[in-house]
Amino acid sequence: MRALTESEIRESFVNCSKGESRRLPVPRDLAERPWSDLDFLGWRDGGAPDRCYLVADRPGGPVGITLRVPQGPRRSLTRSNSCSLCITTHAGSGVALLAARRAGAAGREGNTVGTYVCADLACSLYVRGLKKSALVSRPDESLPLEEQIARTVGRLDDFLAKVLTA
């Protein structure tokens, strides 16, 4: 992924108003991000733990979406769960159901689409083996790293297409 500016990030959001995109918190450490190892930029909102953001650089330009962690009963912290994008297994709350409002009229009517994603949005780093913890595991795979990355990007593209479809 190429490095994005704060302005590019703010202009990329497709499922919120321009006013909302101007007010959302953009990471202050953009210059330090490992851009060449990222398939998307993802971050949590420090002031609102139920909100997070994802920006992917696509051929037509960056596409950003706002996401929420739905309110309701939490899953057991003793279970392990797998990320739908990168297939990393996390214990407890390491995977979160993230819901994105659909773009356009469908989103204004309250329609959403969701998927289970690494709660810290570090899928790119897990796939590449650059981020690990005792509670995180990746399946042993025969696929080369490039194909694992392509699979993650493909699953992300599928999710973004659902957000963009009316």
N, C-alpha and C. Protein backbone atom coordinates (compact mmCIF):
# COMPACT_ATOMS: atom_id res chain seq x y z
N MET A 1 0.86 -1.17 0.00
CA MET A 1 0.00 0.00 0.00
C MET A 1 0.90 1.23 0.00
N ARG A 2 0.51 2.23 -0.74
CA ARG A 2 1.28 3.47 -0.74
C ARG A 2 0.89 4.32 0.48
N ALA A 3 1.80 5.16 0.89
CA ALA A 3 1.53 6.05 2.03
C ALA A 3 0.44 7.04 1.64
N LEU A 4 -0.50 7.25 2.53
CA LEU A 4 -1.60 8.19 2.30
C LEU A 4 -1.46 9.40 3.21
N THR A 5 -1.92 10.52 2.73
CA THR A 5 -1.92 11.74 3.53
C THR A 5 -3.22 11.82 4.33
N GLU A 6 -3.24 12.65 5.33
CA GLU A 6 -4.45 12.85 6.11
C GLU A 6 -5.59 13.32 5.20
N SER A 7 -5.29 14.20 4.28
CA SER A 7 -6.32 14.70 3.36
C SER A 7 -6.88 13.58 2.49
N GLU A 8 -6.02 12.72 1.95
CA GLU A 8 -6.48 11.59 1.13
C GLU A 8 -7.35 10.65 1.96
N ILE A 9 -6.95 10.43 3.19
CA ILE A 9 -7.72 9.55 4.07
C ILE A 9 -9.10 10.14 4.31
N ARG A 10 -9.17 11.40 4.68
CA ARG A 10 -10.46 12.02 4.97
C ARG A 10 -11.38 12.04 3.74
N GLU A 11 -10.82 12.24 2.56
CA GLU A 11 -11.62 12.29 1.33
C GLU A 11 -12.07 10.92 0.86
N SER A 12 -11.48 9.85 1.41
CA SER A 12 -11.75 8.50 0.91
C SER A 12 -13.03 7.87 1.44
N PHE A 13 -13.60 8.40 2.50
CA PHE A 13 -14.72 7.72 3.16
C PHE A 13 -15.98 7.74 2.32
N VAL A 14 -16.57 6.55 2.17
CA VAL A 14 -17.73 6.38 1.29
C VAL A 14 -19.03 6.14 2.06
N ASN A 15 -18.95 5.89 3.35
CA ASN A 15 -20.18 5.57 4.09
C ASN A 15 -20.43 6.51 5.27
N CYS A 16 -19.96 7.73 5.14
CA CYS A 16 -20.28 8.75 6.13
C CYS A 16 -20.31 10.10 5.42
N SER A 17 -20.83 11.10 6.09
CA SER A 17 -20.91 12.43 5.48
C SER A 17 -19.54 13.09 5.45
N LYS A 18 -19.41 14.12 4.65
CA LYS A 18 -18.15 14.86 4.59
C LYS A 18 -17.83 15.49 5.95
N GLY A 19 -18.86 15.95 6.64
CA GLY A 19 -18.66 16.51 7.97
C GLY A 19 -18.13 15.47 8.95
N GLU A 20 -18.68 14.27 8.89
CA GLU A 20 -18.19 13.20 9.76
C GLU A 20 -16.75 12.85 9.43
N SER A 21 -16.40 12.81 8.14
CA SER A 21 -15.03 12.46 7.77
C SER A 21 -14.04 13.53 8.19
N ARG A 22 -14.49 14.80 8.24
CA ARG A 22 -13.61 15.87 8.71
C ARG A 22 -13.37 15.78 10.21
N ARG A 23 -14.33 15.22 10.96
CA ARG A 23 -14.22 15.17 12.42
C ARG A 23 -13.60 13.88 12.95
N LEU A 24 -13.53 12.84 12.15
CA LEU A 24 -13.03 11.57 12.69
C LEU A 24 -11.54 11.67 12.97
N PRO A 25 -11.08 10.93 13.99
CA PRO A 25 -9.67 11.01 14.38
C PRO A 25 -8.77 10.20 13.44
N VAL A 26 -7.87 10.86 12.75
CA VAL A 26 -6.91 10.19 11.87
C VAL A 26 -5.65 9.92 12.69
N PRO A 27 -5.02 8.76 12.53
CA PRO A 27 -3.80 8.48 13.30
C PRO A 27 -2.75 9.56 13.11
N ARG A 28 -2.09 9.92 14.19
CA ARG A 28 -1.06 10.95 14.14
C ARG A 28 0.29 10.40 13.69
N ASP A 29 0.42 9.08 13.65
CA ASP A 29 1.70 8.46 13.31
C ASP A 29 1.75 7.96 11.86
N LEU A 30 1.11 8.64 10.95
CA LEU A 30 1.08 8.19 9.55
C LEU A 30 2.48 8.01 8.97
N ALA A 31 3.40 8.89 9.32
CA ALA A 31 4.76 8.81 8.77
C ALA A 31 5.49 7.55 9.25
N GLU A 32 5.10 7.02 10.42
CA GLU A 32 5.78 5.85 10.97
C GLU A 32 5.12 4.53 10.60
N ARG A 33 4.00 4.56 9.92
CA ARG A 33 3.29 3.32 9.56
C ARG A 33 4.12 2.51 8.58
N PRO A 34 4.08 1.17 8.68
CA PRO A 34 4.83 0.31 7.75
C PRO A 34 4.06 0.13 6.43
N TRP A 35 3.93 1.21 5.68
CA TRP A 35 3.06 1.23 4.50
C TRP A 35 3.32 0.09 3.53
N SER A 36 4.57 -0.26 3.30
CA SER A 36 4.87 -1.31 2.32
C SER A 36 4.39 -2.69 2.79
N ASP A 37 4.10 -2.83 4.09
CA ASP A 37 3.60 -4.10 4.62
C ASP A 37 2.11 -4.08 4.88
N LEU A 38 1.43 -3.01 4.50
CA LEU A 38 -0.01 -2.90 4.75
C LEU A 38 -0.82 -3.16 3.48
N ASP A 39 -1.92 -3.88 3.66
CA ASP A 39 -2.89 -4.05 2.59
C ASP A 39 -4.03 -3.05 2.77
N PHE A 40 -4.15 -2.54 3.97
CA PHE A 40 -5.10 -1.48 4.30
C PHE A 40 -4.64 -0.80 5.57
N LEU A 41 -5.08 0.42 5.76
CA LEU A 41 -4.82 1.16 6.99
C LEU A 41 -6.05 1.01 7.88
N GLY A 42 -5.87 0.48 9.07
CA GLY A 42 -6.98 0.32 9.99
C GLY A 42 -6.61 0.86 11.35
N TRP A 43 -7.58 1.49 12.03
CA TRP A 43 -7.31 2.00 13.38
C TRP A 43 -8.60 2.11 14.16
N ARG A 44 -8.45 2.04 15.48
CA ARG A 44 -9.56 2.20 16.41
C ARG A 44 -9.63 3.65 16.85
N ASP A 45 -10.82 4.09 17.21
CA ASP A 45 -11.03 5.43 17.72
C ASP A 45 -10.77 5.40 19.22
N GLY A 46 -9.70 6.06 19.65
CA GLY A 46 -9.35 6.07 21.07
C GLY A 46 -10.42 6.68 21.96
N GLY A 47 -11.19 7.62 21.43
CA GLY A 47 -12.23 8.27 22.22
C GLY A 47 -13.56 7.56 22.20
N ALA A 48 -13.74 6.64 21.27
CA ALA A 48 -14.99 5.89 21.14
C ALA A 48 -14.63 4.45 20.78
N PRO A 49 -14.44 3.58 21.77
CA PRO A 49 -13.94 2.23 21.52
C PRO A 49 -14.82 1.38 20.61
N ASP A 50 -16.07 1.78 20.40
CA ASP A 50 -16.93 1.00 19.52
C ASP A 50 -16.80 1.44 18.05
N ARG A 51 -15.90 2.38 17.77
CA ARG A 51 -15.72 2.87 16.39
C ARG A 51 -14.31 2.55 15.89
N CYS A 52 -14.24 2.20 14.62
CA CYS A 52 -12.95 2.02 13.97
C CYS A 52 -13.08 2.36 12.50
N TYR A 53 -11.95 2.45 11.84
CA TYR A 53 -11.89 2.95 10.47
C TYR A 53 -10.93 2.10 9.66
N LEU A 54 -11.23 1.98 8.37
CA LEU A 54 -10.41 1.19 7.48
C LEU A 54 -10.32 1.92 6.15
N VAL A 55 -9.11 2.06 5.63
CA VAL A 55 -8.88 2.70 4.33
C VAL A 55 -8.01 1.77 3.50
N ALA A 56 -8.50 1.44 2.30
CA ALA A 56 -7.75 0.58 1.38
C ALA A 56 -7.43 1.39 0.12
N ASP A 57 -6.21 1.25 -0.35
CA ASP A 57 -5.80 1.94 -1.58
C ASP A 57 -6.15 1.04 -2.75
N ARG A 58 -7.09 1.45 -3.56
CA ARG A 58 -7.57 0.66 -4.69
C ARG A 58 -7.24 1.37 -5.99
N PRO A 59 -7.31 0.66 -7.13
CA PRO A 59 -6.95 1.27 -8.42
C PRO A 59 -7.64 2.61 -8.70
N GLY A 60 -8.87 2.77 -8.28
CA GLY A 60 -9.59 4.03 -8.49
C GLY A 60 -9.30 5.08 -7.44
N GLY A 61 -8.46 4.76 -6.48
CA GLY A 61 -8.14 5.66 -5.38
C GLY A 61 -8.51 5.04 -4.05
N PRO A 62 -8.13 5.68 -2.97
CA PRO A 62 -8.40 5.14 -1.64
C PRO A 62 -9.91 5.04 -1.36
N VAL A 63 -10.30 3.96 -0.68
CA VAL A 63 -11.68 3.76 -0.25
C VAL A 63 -11.66 3.58 1.25
N GLY A 64 -12.35 4.47 1.95
CA GLY A 64 -12.41 4.40 3.40
C GLY A 64 -13.80 4.09 3.89
N ILE A 65 -13.89 3.33 4.97
CA ILE A 65 -15.18 3.03 5.58
C ILE A 65 -15.09 3.20 7.09
N THR A 66 -16.19 3.64 7.65
CA THR A 66 -16.31 3.70 9.10
C THR A 66 -16.98 2.40 9.54
N LEU A 67 -16.56 1.90 10.69
CA LEU A 67 -17.07 0.63 11.21
C LEU A 67 -17.46 0.82 12.67
N ARG A 68 -18.38 -0.01 13.11
CA ARG A 68 -18.78 -0.01 14.52
C ARG A 68 -18.79 -1.43 15.05
N VAL A 69 -18.51 -1.55 16.33
CA VAL A 69 -18.67 -2.81 17.02
C VAL A 69 -20.10 -2.79 17.55
N PRO A 70 -20.96 -3.67 17.04
CA PRO A 70 -22.36 -3.67 17.49
C PRO A 70 -22.48 -3.86 18.99
N GLN A 71 -23.44 -3.18 19.58
CA GLN A 71 -23.70 -3.31 21.01
C GLN A 71 -24.51 -4.58 21.23
N GLY A 72 -24.35 -5.16 22.37
CA GLY A 72 -25.09 -6.37 22.70
C GLY A 72 -24.22 -7.31 23.49
N PRO A 73 -24.72 -8.51 23.70
CA PRO A 73 -23.93 -9.46 24.49
C PRO A 73 -22.61 -9.79 23.82
N ARG A 74 -21.57 -9.84 24.59
CA ARG A 74 -20.23 -10.17 24.09
C ARG A 74 -20.06 -11.68 24.09
N ARG A 75 -19.24 -12.13 23.16
CA ARG A 75 -18.92 -13.55 23.12
C ARG A 75 -18.02 -13.92 24.29
N SER A 76 -18.01 -15.16 24.61
CA SER A 76 -17.19 -15.66 25.71
C SER A 76 -15.71 -15.35 25.45
N LEU A 77 -15.02 -14.92 26.47
CA LEU A 77 -13.60 -14.62 26.36
C LEU A 77 -12.75 -15.88 26.35
N THR A 78 -13.36 -17.04 26.57
CA THR A 78 -12.59 -18.27 26.56
C THR A 78 -12.56 -18.92 25.18
N ARG A 79 -13.42 -18.50 24.28
CA ARG A 79 -13.45 -19.06 22.94
C ARG A 79 -12.39 -18.41 22.07
N SER A 80 -11.96 -19.15 21.05
CA SER A 80 -11.08 -18.55 20.06
C SER A 80 -11.89 -18.33 18.80
N ASN A 81 -11.52 -17.31 18.06
CA ASN A 81 -12.26 -16.91 16.87
C ASN A 81 -11.29 -16.60 15.76
N SER A 82 -11.77 -16.73 14.53
CA SER A 82 -10.91 -16.53 13.37
C SER A 82 -11.35 -15.29 12.59
N CYS A 83 -10.38 -14.51 12.15
CA CYS A 83 -10.63 -13.32 11.34
C CYS A 83 -11.08 -13.75 9.95
N SER A 84 -12.11 -13.12 9.43
CA SER A 84 -12.63 -13.44 8.09
C SER A 84 -11.70 -12.97 6.98
N LEU A 85 -10.85 -12.01 7.26
CA LEU A 85 -9.96 -11.48 6.22
C LEU A 85 -8.65 -12.26 6.14
N CYS A 86 -7.96 -12.40 7.27
CA CYS A 86 -6.61 -12.97 7.24
C CYS A 86 -6.51 -14.38 7.81
N ILE A 87 -7.61 -14.90 8.36
CA ILE A 87 -7.69 -16.25 8.91
C ILE A 87 -6.79 -16.43 10.14
N THR A 88 -6.43 -15.37 10.81
CA THR A 88 -5.69 -15.47 12.07
C THR A 88 -6.67 -15.81 13.17
N THR A 89 -6.30 -16.74 14.04
CA THR A 89 -7.15 -17.12 15.16
C THR A 89 -6.68 -16.39 16.40
N HIS A 90 -7.64 -15.78 17.08
CA HIS A 90 -7.36 -15.04 18.31
C HIS A 90 -8.19 -15.64 19.44
N ALA A 91 -7.68 -15.56 20.63
CA ALA A 91 -8.43 -15.96 21.82
C ALA A 91 -9.28 -14.79 22.29
N GLY A 92 -10.39 -15.10 22.90
CA GLY A 92 -11.23 -14.08 23.53
C GLY A 92 -11.71 -13.01 22.60
N SER A 93 -11.42 -11.77 22.95
CA SER A 93 -11.94 -10.62 22.20
C SER A 93 -10.98 -10.15 21.11
N GLY A 94 -10.08 -10.99 20.65
CA GLY A 94 -9.12 -10.61 19.61
C GLY A 94 -9.71 -10.48 18.24
N VAL A 95 -10.92 -11.02 18.05
CA VAL A 95 -11.66 -10.86 16.80
C VAL A 95 -12.97 -10.17 17.16
N ALA A 96 -13.35 -9.17 16.37
CA ALA A 96 -14.57 -8.42 16.64
C ALA A 96 -15.47 -8.41 15.42
N LEU A 97 -16.77 -8.48 15.66
CA LEU A 97 -17.73 -8.27 14.59
C LEU A 97 -17.76 -6.77 14.31
N LEU A 98 -17.38 -6.38 13.10
CA LEU A 98 -17.39 -4.97 12.72
C LEU A 98 -18.48 -4.75 11.68
N ALA A 99 -19.31 -3.77 11.92
CA ALA A 99 -20.42 -3.47 11.02
C ALA A 99 -20.18 -2.13 10.34
N ALA A 100 -20.36 -2.12 9.03
CA ALA A 100 -20.20 -0.89 8.25
C ALA A 100 -21.55 -0.50 7.66
N ARG A 101 -21.88 0.75 7.81
CA ARG A 101 -23.07 1.26 7.16
C ARG A 101 -22.82 1.21 5.65
N ARG A 102 -23.81 0.78 4.87
CA ARG A 102 -23.65 0.75 3.42
C ARG A 102 -23.54 2.17 2.89
N ALA A 103 -22.89 2.31 1.76
CA ALA A 103 -22.75 3.63 1.13
C ALA A 103 -24.08 4.05 0.51
N GLY A 104 -24.27 5.36 0.38
CA GLY A 104 -25.42 5.91 -0.34
C GLY A 104 -26.73 5.81 0.42
N ALA A 105 -27.80 5.72 -0.38
CA ALA A 105 -29.15 5.72 0.18
C ALA A 105 -29.38 4.52 1.11
N ALA A 106 -28.83 3.37 0.76
CA ALA A 106 -29.01 2.18 1.60
C ALA A 106 -28.48 2.43 3.01
N GLY A 107 -27.33 3.07 3.11
CA GLY A 107 -26.76 3.36 4.41
C GLY A 107 -27.57 4.39 5.18
N ARG A 108 -28.08 5.39 4.45
CA ARG A 108 -28.92 6.40 5.12
C ARG A 108 -30.21 5.79 5.65
N GLU A 109 -30.63 4.66 5.06
CA GLU A 109 -31.82 3.95 5.54
C GLU A 109 -31.49 2.99 6.68
N GLY A 110 -30.20 2.91 7.05
CA GLY A 110 -29.80 2.08 8.17
C GLY A 110 -29.27 0.71 7.82
N ASN A 111 -29.09 0.42 6.53
CA ASN A 111 -28.58 -0.89 6.13
C ASN A 111 -27.09 -1.00 6.40
N THR A 112 -26.69 -2.13 6.96
CA THR A 112 -25.29 -2.36 7.29
C THR A 112 -24.86 -3.73 6.79
N VAL A 113 -23.57 -3.93 6.76
CA VAL A 113 -22.97 -5.22 6.44
C VAL A 113 -21.84 -5.43 7.44
N GLY A 114 -21.63 -6.67 7.87
CA GLY A 114 -20.61 -6.90 8.89
C GLY A 114 -19.72 -8.07 8.55
N THR A 115 -18.60 -8.13 9.24
CA THR A 115 -17.67 -9.24 9.11
C THR A 115 -16.82 -9.31 10.37
N TYR A 116 -16.25 -10.48 10.62
CA TYR A 116 -15.37 -10.67 11.76
C TYR A 116 -13.94 -10.36 11.35
N VAL A 117 -13.29 -9.44 12.07
CA VAL A 117 -11.95 -8.95 11.72
C VAL A 117 -11.10 -8.90 12.99
N CYS A 118 -9.78 -9.03 12.83
CA CYS A 118 -8.86 -8.84 13.96
C CYS A 118 -9.22 -7.52 14.64
N ALA A 119 -9.44 -7.56 15.93
CA ALA A 119 -9.91 -6.39 16.66
C ALA A 119 -8.93 -5.21 16.57
N ASP A 120 -7.64 -5.50 16.39
CA ASP A 120 -6.67 -4.41 16.27
C ASP A 120 -6.43 -3.99 14.81
N LEU A 121 -7.16 -4.60 13.88
CA LEU A 121 -7.08 -4.28 12.44
C LEU A 121 -5.66 -4.41 11.89
N ALA A 122 -4.89 -5.35 12.42
CA ALA A 122 -3.51 -5.55 11.98
C ALA A 122 -3.37 -6.80 11.11
N CYS A 123 -4.40 -7.13 10.35
CA CYS A 123 -4.41 -8.33 9.52
C CYS A 123 -3.17 -8.43 8.64
N SER A 124 -2.78 -7.34 8.01
CA SER A 124 -1.62 -7.35 7.10
C SER A 124 -0.36 -7.81 7.82
N LEU A 125 -0.19 -7.39 9.05
CA LEU A 125 1.01 -7.73 9.81
C LEU A 125 0.97 -9.19 10.28
N TYR A 126 -0.23 -9.69 10.62
CA TYR A 126 -0.35 -11.09 11.02
C TYR A 126 -0.04 -12.00 9.83
N VAL A 127 -0.58 -11.69 8.65
CA VAL A 127 -0.34 -12.52 7.46
C VAL A 127 1.15 -12.61 7.17
N ARG A 128 1.86 -11.50 7.30
CA ARG A 128 3.28 -11.45 6.98
C ARG A 128 4.17 -11.95 8.12
N GLY A 129 3.57 -12.32 9.26
CA GLY A 129 4.34 -12.80 10.39
C GLY A 129 5.08 -11.69 11.12
N LEU A 130 4.67 -10.43 10.90
CA LEU A 130 5.34 -9.30 11.52
C LEU A 130 4.75 -8.94 12.88
N LYS A 131 3.58 -9.49 13.18
CA LYS A 131 2.96 -9.25 14.48
C LYS A 131 2.47 -10.59 15.00
N LYS A 132 2.85 -10.87 16.23
CA LYS A 132 2.47 -12.13 16.88
C LYS A 132 2.27 -11.87 18.35
N SER A 133 1.53 -12.76 18.98
CA SER A 133 1.45 -12.77 20.43
C SER A 133 1.17 -14.20 20.85
N ALA A 134 1.27 -14.44 22.12
CA ALA A 134 1.06 -15.81 22.62
C ALA A 134 -0.37 -16.28 22.36
N LEU A 135 -1.29 -15.36 22.26
CA LEU A 135 -2.69 -15.72 22.09
C LEU A 135 -3.13 -15.73 20.63
N VAL A 136 -2.23 -15.52 19.70
CA VAL A 136 -2.59 -15.44 18.29
C VAL A 136 -1.93 -16.58 17.54
N SER A 137 -2.68 -17.19 16.65
CA SER A 137 -2.07 -18.22 15.81
C SER A 137 -2.55 -18.07 14.38
N ARG A 138 -1.70 -18.48 13.48
CA ARG A 138 -2.04 -18.54 12.06
C ARG A 138 -1.96 -20.00 11.67
N PRO A 139 -2.87 -20.43 10.83
CA PRO A 139 -2.80 -21.83 10.42
C PRO A 139 -1.54 -22.10 9.60
N ASP A 140 -1.02 -23.32 9.72
CA ASP A 140 0.08 -23.72 8.84
C ASP A 140 -0.50 -23.87 7.45
N GLU A 141 0.07 -23.15 6.51
CA GLU A 141 -0.48 -23.16 5.16
C GLU A 141 0.58 -23.55 4.14
N SER A 142 0.12 -24.17 3.08
CA SER A 142 1.03 -24.51 1.99
C SER A 142 1.07 -23.40 0.95
N LEU A 143 0.15 -22.44 1.06
CA LEU A 143 0.13 -21.33 0.11
C LEU A 143 1.34 -20.43 0.33
N PRO A 144 1.98 -19.99 -0.75
CA PRO A 144 3.06 -19.01 -0.60
C PRO A 144 2.52 -17.70 -0.01
N LEU A 145 3.40 -16.94 0.61
CA LEU A 145 2.99 -15.69 1.25
C LEU A 145 2.24 -14.78 0.29
N GLU A 146 2.69 -14.67 -0.95
CA GLU A 146 2.03 -13.78 -1.93
C GLU A 146 0.57 -14.18 -2.13
N GLU A 147 0.30 -15.48 -2.14
CA GLU A 147 -1.08 -15.95 -2.32
C GLU A 147 -1.91 -15.72 -1.06
N GLN A 148 -1.30 -15.83 0.11
CA GLN A 148 -2.01 -15.53 1.35
C GLN A 148 -2.39 -14.05 1.39
N ILE A 149 -1.46 -13.19 0.96
CA ILE A 149 -1.74 -11.76 0.90
C ILE A 149 -2.86 -11.50 -0.11
N ALA A 150 -2.78 -12.13 -1.28
CA ALA A 150 -3.81 -11.95 -2.31
C ALA A 150 -5.18 -12.41 -1.79
N ARG A 151 -5.21 -13.49 -1.03
CA ARG A 151 -6.47 -13.97 -0.46
C ARG A 151 -7.05 -12.95 0.51
N THR A 152 -6.19 -12.39 1.36
CA THR A 152 -6.63 -11.38 2.32
C THR A 152 -7.18 -10.15 1.59
N VAL A 153 -6.46 -9.69 0.57
CA VAL A 153 -6.90 -8.53 -0.21
C VAL A 153 -8.21 -8.85 -0.93
N GLY A 154 -8.34 -10.06 -1.46
CA GLY A 154 -9.58 -10.46 -2.14
C GLY A 154 -10.76 -10.46 -1.20
N ARG A 155 -10.57 -10.96 0.02
CA ARG A 155 -11.66 -10.96 1.01
C ARG A 155 -12.02 -9.54 1.43
N LEU A 156 -11.01 -8.69 1.55
CA LEU A 156 -11.27 -7.29 1.86
C LEU A 156 -12.04 -6.63 0.72
N ASP A 157 -11.63 -6.89 -0.52
CA ASP A 157 -12.34 -6.34 -1.68
C ASP A 157 -13.79 -6.79 -1.70
N ASP A 158 -14.05 -8.06 -1.38
CA ASP A 158 -15.41 -8.57 -1.33
C ASP A 158 -16.23 -7.81 -0.27
N PHE A 159 -15.64 -7.58 0.90
CA PHE A 159 -16.34 -6.84 1.94
C PHE A 159 -16.61 -5.40 1.51
N LEU A 160 -15.59 -4.74 0.92
CA LEU A 160 -15.80 -3.36 0.45
C LEU A 160 -16.88 -3.30 -0.62
N ALA A 161 -16.94 -4.30 -1.50
CA ALA A 161 -17.98 -4.33 -2.53
C ALA A 161 -19.36 -4.40 -1.90
N LYS A 162 -19.51 -5.15 -0.80
CA LYS A 162 -20.79 -5.22 -0.12
C LYS A 162 -21.17 -3.87 0.49
N VAL A 163 -20.17 -3.16 1.00
CA VAL A 163 -20.45 -1.83 1.58
C VAL A 163 -20.87 -0.86 0.47
N LEU A 164 -20.24 -0.96 -0.68
CA LEU A 164 -20.51 -0.03 -1.79
C LEU A 164 -21.76 -0.36 -2.57
N THR A 165 -22.27 -1.60 -2.45
CA THR A 165 -23.45 -2.01 -3.21
C THR A 165 -24.71 -1.51 -2.52
N ALA A 166 -25.54 -0.88 -3.30
CA ALA A 166 -26.81 -0.35 -2.75
C ALA A 166 -27.82 -1.45 -2.55
